[in-house]
Amino acid sequence: MVLATFEKDNAQLTEFRILIYNKIKDGKLLSVLKLLMKVIRDSTKEDEDDLRDQIIEDIMGILEDASISVLKCENCGTVFRFRHCKNPRDHQAGVIHAIELTCDECGDYFTFAEDREHVSYFNFNVLKKVDVLRRRGRGLTIGVTVGGLVEPALLKVADGERPSVWIDAYQVFKAEDVQMYWERSKAIIKRMKLNTSNGDKCFRVEGGVVYALTTQTELVAQDAV
């Protein structure tokens, strides 16, 4: 372990592990990741890439040990599965280091990345449900977007196209909610065919109409739709 060679006293490394453990227990995993990655990058600018990469691997091992010790799914108590990811930088050399925590029982999925200010979260079961409905749908399509919608779910009815349901994975976290929005969409389409209205909230966009599948939100047309 490279980190051990930097310590004159292994007690210092033990104290470091305890500090990381306590910070993660307090919900500071993202802050810890960002700080450690910055320190490593700043302190190894003149060193070989292999040395920096090995230090990062050692740090990730410490973060993994601490995470699986203190972080559990709030829904079911399952210990999260830890994964260290390396993602290419956009238009730059090098990689972005990130941590993925997944609950295999509930499908919750969290991403902590060194270049982000917030934790990304979605649910795998939502994606699976969308895929099932997509394959089942005939006169109606469904898709997923990661952020960008003014509401958790929208129905777009465009001229010359099949009506499409859009689910925002950053706002919808339960598979049963996807089913509910799907059923609401079918009901709206049925009312459209019968030329009846149930006070459906909607707004016009170029070439069609967008319906809100939830309520209580003041809608404003966005390009993301």
Protein backbone atom coordinates (compact mmCIF):
# COMPACT_ATOMS: atom_id res chain seq x y z
CA MET A 1 0.00 0.00 0.00
CA VAL A 2 1.59 3.28 -1.13
CA LEU A 3 0.03 5.36 1.65
CA ALA A 4 1.77 3.28 4.29
CA THR A 5 5.17 4.28 2.88
CA PHE A 6 4.33 7.94 3.51
CA GLU A 7 3.63 7.35 7.21
CA LYS A 8 6.40 7.28 9.79
CA ASP A 9 3.93 5.85 12.25
CA ASN A 10 1.08 3.56 11.22
CA ALA A 11 -0.94 5.18 14.00
CA GLN A 12 -1.21 8.24 11.77
CA LEU A 13 -2.78 6.16 9.04
CA THR A 14 -5.18 4.68 11.58
CA GLU A 15 -6.18 8.17 12.69
CA PHE A 16 -6.69 9.13 9.06
CA ARG A 17 -8.99 6.15 8.53
CA ILE A 18 -11.00 7.05 11.62
CA LEU A 19 -11.35 10.65 10.41
CA ILE A 20 -12.63 9.47 7.02
CA TYR A 21 -15.00 7.03 8.72
CA ASN A 22 -16.50 9.78 10.88
CA LYS A 23 -16.86 12.24 7.99
CA ILE A 24 -18.66 9.69 5.83
CA LYS A 25 -20.87 8.74 8.76
CA ASP A 26 -21.86 12.42 8.95
CA GLY A 27 -22.89 12.38 5.27
CA LYS A 28 -19.75 14.08 3.95
CA LEU A 29 -18.68 11.51 1.35
CA LEU A 30 -18.82 13.94 -1.56
CA SER A 31 -16.88 16.62 0.32
CA VAL A 32 -14.27 14.07 1.40
CA LEU A 33 -13.89 12.76 -2.15
CA LYS A 34 -13.49 16.23 -3.65
CA LEU A 35 -10.97 17.33 -1.00
CA LEU A 36 -8.84 14.20 -1.20
CA MET A 37 -8.74 14.25 -5.00
CA LYS A 38 -7.66 17.89 -4.97
CA VAL A 39 -4.92 17.20 -2.41
CA ILE A 40 -3.66 14.21 -4.38
CA ARG A 41 -3.63 16.06 -7.69
CA ASP A 42 -1.92 19.13 -6.21
CA SER A 43 0.72 17.11 -4.35
CA THR A 44 1.61 14.79 -7.26
CA LYS A 45 1.93 17.30 -10.10
CA GLU A 46 5.62 16.51 -10.52
CA ASP A 47 5.28 12.77 -10.00
CA GLU A 48 4.71 9.92 -12.40
CA ASP A 49 1.12 9.11 -13.31
CA ASP A 50 1.54 5.58 -11.97
CA LEU A 51 2.33 6.87 -8.48
CA ARG A 52 -0.69 9.20 -8.45
CA ASP A 53 -2.95 6.44 -9.74
CA GLN A 54 -1.77 4.06 -7.02
CA ILE A 55 -2.38 6.65 -4.31
CA ILE A 56 -5.89 7.21 -5.66
CA GLU A 57 -6.53 3.46 -5.62
CA ASP A 58 -5.38 3.30 -1.99
CA ILE A 59 -7.63 6.22 -1.05
CA MET A 60 -10.58 4.59 -2.80
CA GLY A 61 -9.93 1.46 -0.77
CA ILE A 62 -10.18 3.49 2.43
CA LEU A 63 -13.35 5.21 1.20
CA GLU A 64 -14.88 1.85 0.30
CA ASP A 65 -14.10 0.33 3.70
CA ALA A 66 -15.63 3.33 5.46
CA SER A 67 -18.67 3.52 3.16
CA ILE A 68 -19.72 -0.11 3.47
CA SER A 69 -19.22 0.14 7.24
CA VAL A 70 -21.52 3.10 7.88
CA LEU A 71 -23.75 3.69 4.84
CA LYS A 72 -26.91 1.63 4.43
CA CYS A 73 -30.07 2.06 2.39
CA GLU A 74 -32.61 4.09 4.34
CA ASN A 75 -35.45 2.05 2.83
CA CYS A 76 -34.32 -1.52 3.48
CA GLY A 77 -31.08 -1.39 5.48
CA THR A 78 -29.06 -3.10 2.75
CA VAL A 79 -25.35 -2.29 2.63
CA PHE A 80 -24.59 -0.31 -0.51
CA ARG A 81 -22.45 -1.81 -3.25
CA PHE A 82 -19.40 0.43 -3.77
CA ARG A 83 -17.84 1.04 -7.16
CA HIS A 84 -14.94 3.31 -8.14
CA CYS A 85 -15.46 4.77 -11.62
CA LYS A 86 -13.15 6.60 -13.99
CA ASN A 87 -14.89 8.77 -16.57
CA PRO A 88 -13.20 10.64 -19.44
CA ARG A 89 -13.07 14.40 -19.13
CA ASP A 90 -14.97 16.40 -21.74
CA HIS A 91 -12.51 17.78 -24.30
CA GLN A 92 -9.60 17.34 -21.87
CA ALA A 93 -6.95 14.77 -21.06
CA GLY A 94 -7.28 12.68 -17.94
CA VAL A 95 -10.23 11.19 -16.11
CA ILE A 96 -12.83 12.16 -13.53
CA HIS A 97 -12.95 9.90 -10.51
CA ALA A 98 -16.35 9.05 -9.10
CA ILE A 99 -17.97 6.72 -6.59
CA GLU A 100 -21.18 4.82 -7.23
CA LEU A 101 -23.27 3.47 -4.36
CA THR A 102 -26.04 1.06 -5.32
CA CYS A 103 -28.73 -0.68 -3.29
CA ASP A 104 -29.27 -4.01 -5.01
CA GLU A 105 -32.52 -4.50 -3.10
CA CYS A 106 -34.30 -1.18 -3.75
CA GLY A 107 -32.54 -0.10 -6.94
CA ASP A 108 -31.38 3.25 -5.54
CA TYR A 109 -28.26 4.54 -7.27
CA PHE A 110 -26.06 7.43 -6.07
CA THR A 111 -23.09 9.00 -7.87
CA PHE A 112 -20.44 11.10 -6.13
CA ALA A 113 -18.03 12.72 -8.60
CA GLU A 114 -15.02 14.93 -7.92
CA ASP A 115 -16.18 17.51 -10.49
CA ARG A 116 -19.75 17.87 -9.18
CA GLU A 117 -21.21 19.96 -6.40
CA HIS A 118 -24.18 17.68 -5.78
CA VAL A 119 -24.87 13.96 -5.53
CA SER A 120 -26.71 12.44 -8.49
CA TYR A 121 -29.51 10.04 -7.63
CA PHE A 122 -31.95 7.85 -9.53
CA ASN A 123 -33.62 4.47 -9.20
CA PHE A 124 -32.86 1.51 -11.46
CA ASN A 125 -36.37 0.11 -11.05
CA VAL A 126 -37.73 3.27 -12.66
CA LEU A 127 -35.56 2.64 -15.72
CA LYS A 128 -36.61 -1.01 -15.84
CA LYS A 129 -40.29 -0.05 -15.66
CA VAL A 130 -39.86 2.45 -18.48
CA ASP A 131 -38.20 -0.25 -20.59
CA VAL A 132 -41.08 -2.68 -19.95
CA LEU A 133 -43.69 -0.09 -20.91
CA ARG A 134 -41.70 0.97 -23.96
CA ARG A 135 -41.73 -2.58 -25.29
CA ARG A 136 -45.39 -3.02 -24.40
CA GLY A 137 -46.67 0.28 -25.76
CA ARG A 138 -48.37 0.42 -29.14
CA GLY A 139 -49.95 3.79 -29.67
CA LEU A 140 -47.89 5.39 -26.92
CA THR A 141 -44.13 5.68 -26.41
CA ILE A 142 -42.14 6.40 -23.26
CA GLY A 143 -38.63 7.62 -22.57
CA VAL A 144 -36.34 8.79 -19.78
CA THR A 145 -34.45 12.02 -19.39
CA VAL A 146 -31.91 12.84 -16.69
CA GLY A 147 -33.03 16.21 -15.40
CA GLY A 148 -34.35 19.11 -17.44
CA LEU A 149 -38.11 18.60 -17.14
CA VAL A 150 -40.31 21.19 -15.43
CA GLU A 151 -42.26 18.34 -13.81
CA PRO A 152 -41.44 14.72 -12.95
CA ALA A 153 -43.44 13.44 -15.93
CA LEU A 154 -44.84 14.98 -19.09
CA LEU A 155 -46.90 13.79 -22.05
CA LYS A 156 -46.11 15.29 -25.42
CA VAL A 157 -48.65 15.01 -28.22
CA ALA A 158 -47.09 16.21 -31.46
CA ASP A 159 -48.60 16.44 -34.91
CA GLY A 160 -47.79 13.37 -37.01
CA GLU A 161 -46.04 11.54 -34.16
CA ARG A 162 -47.01 8.97 -31.58
CA PRO A 163 -47.76 10.53 -28.17
CA SER A 164 -44.73 10.21 -25.90
CA VAL A 165 -44.38 10.11 -22.13
CA TRP A 166 -41.20 11.57 -20.67
CA ILE A 167 -40.01 10.53 -17.21
CA ASP A 168 -37.37 12.56 -15.38
CA ALA A 169 -35.14 10.04 -13.59
CA TYR A 170 -33.97 12.77 -11.24
CA GLN A 171 -37.54 13.39 -10.05
CA VAL A 172 -39.28 10.00 -10.26
CA PHE A 173 -37.93 7.33 -7.89
CA LYS A 174 -40.60 4.61 -7.79
CA ALA A 175 -41.63 2.18 -10.51
CA GLU A 176 -45.27 2.44 -9.44
CA ASP A 177 -45.17 6.18 -10.14
CA VAL A 178 -44.07 5.44 -13.70
CA GLN A 179 -47.08 3.15 -14.10
CA MET A 180 -49.35 5.87 -12.69
CA TYR A 181 -48.06 8.46 -15.20
CA TRP A 182 -48.47 5.91 -17.99
CA GLU A 183 -52.12 5.31 -17.06
CA ARG A 184 -52.77 9.05 -16.80
CA SER A 185 -51.31 9.51 -20.26
CA LYS A 186 -53.59 6.87 -21.74
CA ALA A 187 -56.58 8.54 -20.07
CA ILE A 188 -55.63 11.94 -21.51
CA ILE A 189 -55.24 10.48 -24.99
CA LYS A 190 -58.62 8.79 -24.69
CA ARG A 191 -60.26 12.09 -23.72
CA MET A 192 -58.57 13.77 -26.67
CA LYS A 193 -60.02 11.20 -29.05
CA LEU A 194 -63.47 11.68 -27.51
CA ASN A 195 -62.99 15.44 -27.68
CA THR A 196 -63.72 15.78 -23.97
CA SER A 197 -61.80 17.63 -21.29
CA ASN A 198 -61.09 16.95 -17.65
CA GLY A 199 -59.25 20.18 -16.93
CA ASP A 200 -55.96 18.65 -18.04
CA LYS A 201 -53.13 21.10 -17.48
CA CYS A 202 -51.17 21.66 -20.68
CA PHE A 203 -49.25 24.17 -22.73
CA ARG A 204 -48.61 24.46 -26.41
CA VAL A 205 -45.22 23.99 -28.01
CA GLU A 206 -44.22 24.14 -31.64
CA GLY A 207 -46.06 21.37 -33.45
CA GLY A 208 -47.95 20.00 -30.49
CA VAL A 209 -49.14 20.09 -26.90
CA VAL A 210 -47.45 19.05 -23.65
CA TYR A 211 -49.56 17.77 -20.76
CA ALA A 212 -48.56 17.74 -17.11
CA LEU A 213 -48.92 14.30 -15.55
CA THR A 214 -48.58 15.73 -12.06
CA THR A 215 -50.33 18.74 -10.54
CA GLN A 216 -49.68 21.85 -8.50
CA THR A 217 -46.86 23.12 -10.73
CA GLU A 218 -46.99 26.26 -12.86
CA LEU A 219 -45.73 25.10 -16.24
CA VAL A 220 -43.44 27.06 -18.51
CA ALA A 221 -42.47 25.75 -21.93
CA GLN A 222 -38.84 24.58 -22.10
CA ASP A 223 -36.65 23.35 -24.94
CA ALA A 224 -35.86 20.21 -22.92
CA VAL A 225 -39.38 18.96 -23.59
